[in-house]
Amino acid sequence: MATQMITKFNHYWGTIHELMGVAAVFDPRYKMEMIEFYFQLLYPEDYANQVIRIKSFCDDLVKEYEEKSMESLHKSGDYLGSASTHEADGDENLSAWDKYVKAKNRVAELVLKTEFDRYLEEGIEPESQEFDILMWWKLRATKYPILQAIAREILAIPVSPLPPNLHLVLVED
């Protein structure tokens, strides 16, 4: 019975561990810094791999949400191409060189830095008793639309000390 309990605990801990890591990363007071700090204490031999695992999990989550977002844009017919056409119309007074540099910077910004990268590069929010994390994300929905959607879903999950199936195992004889 103890072996079954340990197996179930390890199974649930792995899932909860990643989810709790994502929740910490999406807290603007902690971001990856908290993961790096505590993983050095928890996994002195392997902390770098554990940090990479959580970062990869976050990256995969962001990609998944971006794909969903692109699918919904295509279904609704609201394409990014129409926005860039309007921007180009306002550029008629720029020289060819200025247009080239502006376009290249725009592409480099989109390709090289994701929303998640920009979020992580920003400074950490100061600790405060009045800090409302869901409000923080709501106010930044236009700056980080994909991350805001993830944060809204991940941070609103109620945390329970035991998964529903685990306390059934503990009660059984």
C-alpha atoms as a PDB file:
ATOM      1  CA  MET A   1       0.000   0.000   0.000  1.00  0.00           C
ATOM      2  CA  ALA A   2       2.871   2.389   0.792  1.00  0.00           C
ATOM      3  CA  THR A   3       4.370   1.738  -2.640  1.00  0.00           C
ATOM      4  CA  GLN A   4       1.043   2.610  -4.292  1.00  0.00           C
ATOM      5  CA  MET A   5       0.821   5.787  -2.225  1.00  0.00           C
ATOM      6  CA  ILE A   6       4.359   6.845  -3.176  1.00  0.00           C
ATOM      7  CA  THR A   7       3.679   6.107  -6.853  1.00  0.00           C
ATOM      8  CA  LYS A   8       0.504   8.197  -6.823  1.00  0.00           C
ATOM      9  CA  PHE A   9       2.184  10.967  -4.845  1.00  0.00           C
ATOM     10  CA  ASN A  10       5.099  11.125  -7.313  1.00  0.00           C
ATOM     11  CA  HIS A  11       2.670  11.162 -10.255  1.00  0.00           C
ATOM     12  CA  TYR A  12       0.633  14.031  -8.825  1.00  0.00           C
ATOM     13  CA  TRP A  13       3.656  15.895  -7.485  1.00  0.00           C
ATOM     14  CA  GLY A  14       5.210  16.022 -10.951  1.00  0.00           C
ATOM     15  CA  THR A  15       2.078  17.628 -12.390  1.00  0.00           C
ATOM     16  CA  ILE A  16       1.506  19.955  -9.455  1.00  0.00           C
ATOM     17  CA  HIS A  17       5.202  20.817  -9.351  1.00  0.00           C
ATOM     18  CA  GLU A  18       5.137  22.100 -12.956  1.00  0.00           C
ATOM     19  CA  LEU A  19       1.854  23.920 -12.433  1.00  0.00           C
ATOM     20  CA  MET A  20       3.096  25.590  -9.265  1.00  0.00           C
ATOM     21  CA  GLY A  21       6.269  26.578 -11.117  1.00  0.00           C
ATOM     22  CA  VAL A  22       4.186  28.193 -13.870  1.00  0.00           C
ATOM     23  CA  ALA A  23       2.083  30.001 -11.272  1.00  0.00           C
ATOM     24  CA  ALA A  24       5.255  31.394  -9.681  1.00  0.00           C
ATOM     25  CA  VAL A  25       6.639  32.505 -13.057  1.00  0.00           C
ATOM     26  CA  PHE A  26       3.357  34.251 -13.880  1.00  0.00           C
ATOM     27  CA  ASP A  27       3.472  36.144 -10.597  1.00  0.00           C
ATOM     28  CA  PRO A  28       5.165  39.440 -11.555  1.00  0.00           C
ATOM     29  CA  ARG A  29       6.653  39.690  -8.059  1.00  0.00           C
ATOM     30  CA  TYR A  30       8.693  36.515  -8.574  1.00  0.00           C
ATOM     31  CA  LYS A  31       9.007  35.394 -12.218  1.00  0.00           C
ATOM     32  CA  MET A  32      11.918  33.044 -12.967  1.00  0.00           C
ATOM     33  CA  GLU A  33      13.978  34.482 -10.129  1.00  0.00           C
ATOM     34  CA  MET A  34      11.937  32.650  -7.505  1.00  0.00           C
ATOM     35  CA  ILE A  35      12.208  29.389  -9.419  1.00  0.00           C
ATOM     36  CA  GLU A  36      15.976  29.795  -9.753  1.00  0.00           C
ATOM     37  CA  PHE A  37      16.414  30.681  -6.076  1.00  0.00           C
ATOM     38  CA  TYR A  38      14.348  27.863  -4.585  1.00  0.00           C
ATOM     39  CA  PHE A  39      15.380  25.215  -7.090  1.00  0.00           C
ATOM     40  CA  GLN A  40      19.001  25.793  -6.081  1.00  0.00           C
ATOM     41  CA  LEU A  41      17.937  24.882  -2.547  1.00  0.00           C
ATOM     42  CA  LEU A  42      15.687  21.967  -3.522  1.00  0.00           C
ATOM     43  CA  TYR A  43      17.862  20.465  -6.266  1.00  0.00           C
ATOM     44  CA  PRO A  44      21.474  21.441  -5.565  1.00  0.00           C
ATOM     45  CA  GLU A  45      22.843  18.922  -8.066  1.00  0.00           C
ATOM     46  CA  ASP A  46      20.260  19.356 -10.815  1.00  0.00           C
ATOM     47  CA  TYR A  47      18.671  22.772 -10.322  1.00  0.00           C
ATOM     48  CA  ALA A  48      19.649  24.114 -13.780  1.00  0.00           C
ATOM     49  CA  ASN A  49      17.789  21.276 -15.517  1.00  0.00           C
ATOM     50  CA  GLN A  50      14.780  21.786 -13.256  1.00  0.00           C
ATOM     51  CA  VAL A  51      14.697  25.512 -14.079  1.00  0.00           C
ATOM     52  CA  ILE A  52      14.970  24.739 -17.793  1.00  0.00           C
ATOM     53  CA  ARG A  53      12.116  22.249 -17.436  1.00  0.00           C
ATOM     54  CA  ILE A  54       9.793  24.868 -15.923  1.00  0.00           C
ATOM     55  CA  LYS A  55      10.851  27.484 -18.518  1.00  0.00           C
ATOM     56  CA  SER A  56      10.226  24.968 -21.327  1.00  0.00           C
ATOM     57  CA  PHE A  57       6.844  24.128 -19.830  1.00  0.00           C
ATOM     58  CA  CYS A  58       5.977  27.855 -19.833  1.00  0.00           C
ATOM     59  CA  ASP A  59       7.242  28.270 -23.411  1.00  0.00           C
ATOM     60  CA  ASP A  60       5.138  25.304 -24.556  1.00  0.00           C
ATOM     61  CA  LEU A  61       2.103  26.715 -22.798  1.00  0.00           C
ATOM     62  CA  VAL A  62       2.593  30.095 -24.485  1.00  0.00           C
ATOM     63  CA  LYS A  63       2.957  28.426 -27.908  1.00  0.00           C
ATOM     64  CA  GLU A  64      -0.228  26.454 -27.326  1.00  0.00           C
ATOM     65  CA  TYR A  65      -2.165  29.598 -26.437  1.00  0.00           C
ATOM     66  CA  GLU A  66      -0.673  31.483 -29.406  1.00  0.00           C
ATOM     67  CA  GLU A  67      -1.844  28.712 -31.747  1.00  0.00           C
ATOM     68  CA  LYS A  68      -5.343  28.872 -30.252  1.00  0.00           C
ATOM     69  CA  SER A  69      -5.322  32.640 -30.649  1.00  0.00           C
ATOM     70  CA  MET A  70      -4.221  32.426 -34.298  1.00  0.00           C
ATOM     71  CA  GLU A  71      -6.914  29.822 -35.002  1.00  0.00           C
ATOM     72  CA  SER A  72      -9.597  32.085 -33.554  1.00  0.00           C
ATOM     73  CA  LEU A  73      -8.265  35.045 -35.571  1.00  0.00           C
ATOM     74  CA  HIS A  74      -8.442  33.043 -38.790  1.00  0.00           C
ATOM     75  CA  LYS A  75     -11.960  31.867 -37.970  1.00  0.00           C
ATOM     76  CA  SER A  76     -13.144  35.405 -37.247  1.00  0.00           C
ATOM     77  CA  GLY A  77     -11.440  36.831 -40.364  1.00  0.00           C
ATOM     78  CA  ASP A  78      -9.510  39.436 -38.341  1.00  0.00           C
ATOM     79  CA  TYR A  79      -6.034  39.108 -39.837  1.00  0.00           C
ATOM     80  CA  LEU A  80      -2.851  40.841 -38.773  1.00  0.00           C
ATOM     81  CA  GLY A  81      -2.208  41.793 -42.392  1.00  0.00           C
ATOM     82  CA  SER A  82      -4.985  44.384 -42.339  1.00  0.00           C
ATOM     83  CA  ALA A  83      -3.396  46.197 -39.386  1.00  0.00           C
ATOM     84  CA  SER A  84      -0.005  46.349 -41.070  1.00  0.00           C
ATOM     85  CA  THR A  85      -1.583  47.793 -44.230  1.00  0.00           C
ATOM     86  CA  HIS A  86      -2.942  50.745 -42.253  1.00  0.00           C
ATOM     87  CA  GLU A  87       0.435  51.314 -40.635  1.00  0.00           C
ATOM     88  CA  ALA A  88       2.141  51.300 -44.028  1.00  0.00           C
ATOM     89  CA  ASP A  89      -0.270  53.974 -45.316  1.00  0.00           C
ATOM     90  CA  GLY A  90       0.971  56.380 -42.626  1.00  0.00           C
ATOM     91  CA  ASP A  91       4.581  55.807 -43.723  1.00  0.00           C
ATOM     92  CA  GLU A  92       4.269  57.576 -47.086  1.00  0.00           C
ATOM     93  CA  ASN A  93       6.335  60.582 -45.906  1.00  0.00           C
ATOM     94  CA  LEU A  94       9.282  58.441 -44.792  1.00  0.00           C
ATOM     95  CA  SER A  95      12.329  57.900 -46.975  1.00  0.00           C
ATOM     96  CA  ALA A  96      13.005  54.447 -48.379  1.00  0.00           C
ATOM     97  CA  TRP A  97      15.793  53.994 -45.820  1.00  0.00           C
ATOM     98  CA  ASP A  98      13.527  54.929 -42.894  1.00  0.00           C
ATOM     99  CA  LYS A  99      10.853  52.516 -44.136  1.00  0.00           C
ATOM    100  CA  TYR A 100      13.419  49.745 -44.448  1.00  0.00           C
ATOM    101  CA  VAL A 101      14.797  50.275 -40.936  1.00  0.00           C
ATOM    102  CA  LYS A 102      11.323  50.560 -39.414  1.00  0.00           C
ATOM    103  CA  ALA A 103      10.148  47.361 -41.116  1.00  0.00           C
ATOM    104  CA  LYS A 104      13.280  45.448 -40.157  1.00  0.00           C
ATOM    105  CA  ASN A 105      13.000  46.539 -36.507  1.00  0.00           C
ATOM    106  CA  ARG A 106       9.344  45.539 -36.425  1.00  0.00           C
ATOM    107  CA  VAL A 107      10.115  42.089 -37.829  1.00  0.00           C
ATOM    108  CA  ALA A 108      13.103  41.595 -35.510  1.00  0.00           C
ATOM    109  CA  GLU A 109      10.988  42.566 -32.526  1.00  0.00           C
ATOM    110  CA  LEU A 110       8.261  40.101 -33.475  1.00  0.00           C
ATOM    111  CA  VAL A 111      10.595  37.243 -34.326  1.00  0.00           C
ATOM    112  CA  LEU A 112      13.255  37.517 -31.661  1.00  0.00           C
ATOM    113  CA  LYS A 113      11.250  38.433 -28.584  1.00  0.00           C
ATOM    114  CA  THR A 114       8.060  36.745 -27.620  1.00  0.00           C
ATOM    115  CA  GLU A 115       5.529  38.171 -25.212  1.00  0.00           C
ATOM    116  CA  PHE A 116       6.928  35.810 -22.612  1.00  0.00           C
ATOM    117  CA  ASP A 117      10.506  37.000 -23.192  1.00  0.00           C
ATOM    118  CA  ARG A 118       9.463  40.649 -22.852  1.00  0.00           C
ATOM    119  CA  TYR A 119       7.552  39.849 -19.659  1.00  0.00           C
ATOM    120  CA  LEU A 120      10.543  38.094 -18.111  1.00  0.00           C
ATOM    121  CA  GLU A 121      12.865  40.978 -19.059  1.00  0.00           C
ATOM    122  CA  GLU A 122      10.767  43.506 -17.170  1.00  0.00           C
ATOM    123  CA  GLY A 123      11.672  44.139 -13.579  1.00  0.00           C
ATOM    124  CA  ILE A 124       9.995  42.357 -10.721  1.00  0.00           C
ATOM    125  CA  GLU A 125       7.069  44.070  -9.013  1.00  0.00           C
ATOM    126  CA  PRO A 126       7.705  45.057  -5.383  1.00  0.00           C
ATOM    127  CA  GLU A 127       6.162  42.968  -2.600  1.00  0.00           C
ATOM    128  CA  SER A 128       2.963  44.427  -1.187  1.00  0.00           C
ATOM    129  CA  GLN A 129       0.079  43.161   0.955  1.00  0.00           C
ATOM    130  CA  GLU A 130      -2.394  44.957  -1.315  1.00  0.00           C
ATOM    131  CA  PHE A 131      -1.035  43.414  -4.523  1.00  0.00           C
ATOM    132  CA  ASP A 132      -3.821  41.887  -6.628  1.00  0.00           C
ATOM    133  CA  ILE A 133      -2.216  39.589  -9.165  1.00  0.00           C
ATOM    134  CA  LEU A 134      -5.365  39.040 -11.239  1.00  0.00           C
ATOM    135  CA  MET A 135      -5.910  42.803 -11.471  1.00  0.00           C
ATOM    136  CA  TRP A 136      -2.263  43.268 -12.496  1.00  0.00           C
ATOM    137  CA  TRP A 137      -2.778  40.866 -15.394  1.00  0.00           C
ATOM    138  CA  LYS A 138      -6.139  42.393 -16.305  1.00  0.00           C
ATOM    139  CA  LEU A 139      -4.534  45.830 -16.609  1.00  0.00           C
ATOM    140  CA  ARG A 140      -1.845  44.421 -18.922  1.00  0.00           C
ATOM    141  CA  ALA A 141      -4.179  42.516 -21.245  1.00  0.00           C
ATOM    142  CA  THR A 142      -3.326  44.755 -24.209  1.00  0.00           C
ATOM    143  CA  LYS A 143       0.425  44.475 -23.634  1.00  0.00           C
ATOM    144  CA  TYR A 144       0.444  40.717 -22.988  1.00  0.00           C
ATOM    145  CA  PRO A 145      -2.800  39.265 -24.381  1.00  0.00           C
ATOM    146  CA  ILE A 146      -1.557  35.667 -24.583  1.00  0.00           C
ATOM    147  CA  LEU A 147       0.112  35.719 -21.159  1.00  0.00           C
ATOM    148  CA  GLN A 148      -2.927  37.360 -19.612  1.00  0.00           C
ATOM    149  CA  ALA A 149      -5.136  34.517 -20.867  1.00  0.00           C
ATOM    150  CA  ILE A 150      -2.746  31.942 -19.406  1.00  0.00           C
ATOM    151  CA  ALA A 151      -2.428  33.800 -16.100  1.00  0.00           C
ATOM    152  CA  ARG A 152      -6.194  34.127 -15.785  1.00  0.00           C
ATOM    153  CA  GLU A 153      -6.618  30.369 -16.120  1.00  0.00           C
ATOM    154  CA  ILE A 154      -3.581  29.196 -14.138  1.00  0.00           C
ATOM    155  CA  LEU A 155      -3.799  31.643 -11.242  1.00  0.00           C
ATOM    156  CA  ALA A 156      -7.532  31.160 -10.749  1.00  0.00           C
ATOM    157  CA  ILE A 157      -7.170  27.409 -10.074  1.00  0.00           C
ATOM    158  CA  PRO A 158      -7.966  26.692  -6.430  1.00  0.00           C
ATOM    159  CA  VAL A 159      -5.093  24.903  -4.746  1.00  0.00           C
ATOM    160  CA  SER A 160      -5.907  21.784  -2.743  1.00  0.00           C
ATOM    161  CA  PRO A 161      -3.383  20.001  -0.544  1.00  0.00           C
ATOM    162  CA  LEU A 162      -4.407  16.613  -1.985  1.00  0.00           C
ATOM    163  CA  PRO A 163      -5.747  15.649  -5.387  1.00  0.00           C
ATOM    164  CA  PRO A 164      -9.259  14.088  -5.207  1.00  0.00           C
ATOM    165  CA  ASN A 165      -8.032  10.545  -5.982  1.00  0.00           C
ATOM    166  CA  LEU A 166      -5.172  10.642  -3.484  1.00  0.00           C
ATOM    167  CA  HIS A 167      -7.229  11.048  -0.323  1.00  0.00           C
ATOM    168  CA  LEU A 168      -9.323   8.040  -1.383  1.00  0.00           C
ATOM    169  CA  VAL A 169      -6.152   5.936  -1.300  1.00  0.00           C
ATOM    170  CA  LEU A 170      -5.218   7.319   2.118  1.00  0.00           C
ATOM    171  CA  VAL A 171      -8.636   6.461   3.595  1.00  0.00           C
ATOM    172  CA  GLU A 172      -8.791   2.886   2.260  1.00  0.00           C
ATOM    173  CA  ASP A 173      -7.484   0.057   4.438  1.00  0.00           C
END
